[in-house]
Protein backbone atom coordinates (compact mmCIF):
# COMPACT_ATOMS: atom_id res chain seq x y z
CA MET A 1 -3.37 26.28 -24.07
CA LYS A 2 -2.49 22.53 -23.61
CA ILE A 3 -3.69 20.60 -20.50
CA TRP A 4 -2.03 17.40 -19.70
CA LEU A 5 -4.03 14.86 -17.74
CA LEU A 6 -2.74 11.71 -16.02
CA GLU A 7 -5.46 9.09 -15.52
CA ILE A 8 -4.75 6.56 -12.72
CA ASP A 9 -6.44 3.24 -12.80
CA PRO A 10 -8.45 2.24 -9.76
CA ILE A 11 -6.18 0.55 -7.06
CA LEU A 12 -6.81 -1.20 -3.71
CA ALA A 13 -4.71 -1.12 -0.55
CA LYS A 14 -5.27 -4.01 1.94
CA PRO A 15 -3.70 -4.60 5.27
CA GLY A 16 -0.85 -7.04 5.52
CA ASN A 17 -0.87 -10.72 6.47
CA ILE A 18 1.70 -12.81 8.47
CA LEU A 19 2.50 -16.16 7.16
CA VAL A 20 4.44 -18.37 9.70
CA GLN A 21 5.57 -21.73 8.55
CA GLY A 22 7.51 -24.29 10.68
CA ASP A 23 7.11 -26.98 13.36
CA ALA A 24 6.71 -24.87 16.28
CA LEU A 25 6.77 -21.27 17.69
CA ILE A 26 8.76 -20.98 20.80
CA GLY A 27 9.61 -18.12 23.12
CA SER A 28 8.05 -14.63 23.59
CA GLY A 29 7.51 -11.80 21.37
CA LYS A 30 4.97 -10.41 19.04
CA LEU A 31 3.70 -11.00 15.46
CA ASN A 32 2.19 -7.65 14.24
CA ALA A 33 0.38 -7.20 10.94
CA PRO A 34 -0.27 -3.56 10.00
CA GLY A 35 -3.97 -2.71 10.71
CA ASP A 36 -4.14 0.04 7.99
CA ALA A 37 -2.86 0.40 4.40
CA LYS A 38 -2.51 3.56 2.49
CA ILE A 39 -1.64 4.49 -1.16
CA GLU A 40 -0.46 7.96 -1.61
CA ILE A 41 0.14 9.57 -5.08
CA ILE A 42 2.13 12.67 -5.13
CA ASN A 43 2.01 14.67 -8.45
CA HIS A 44 5.12 16.81 -8.98
CA SER A 45 4.43 17.25 -12.63
CA GLU A 46 2.44 20.07 -14.46
CA ALA A 47 -0.23 17.46 -15.34
CA SER A 48 -3.52 17.12 -13.57
CA LEU A 49 -4.46 13.88 -11.96
CA ASN A 50 -7.85 12.23 -13.16
């Protein structure tokens, strides 16, 4: 019996930043940066993830 393994290197997910460049911000509104980050790996193969 053969068993296939996929080895995934360590990875890191970080929340986003907002970079604003210019002379002025005028008016109303919001600048939103995501407060969470997620990495999702979905395995549709016959191999096992390690």
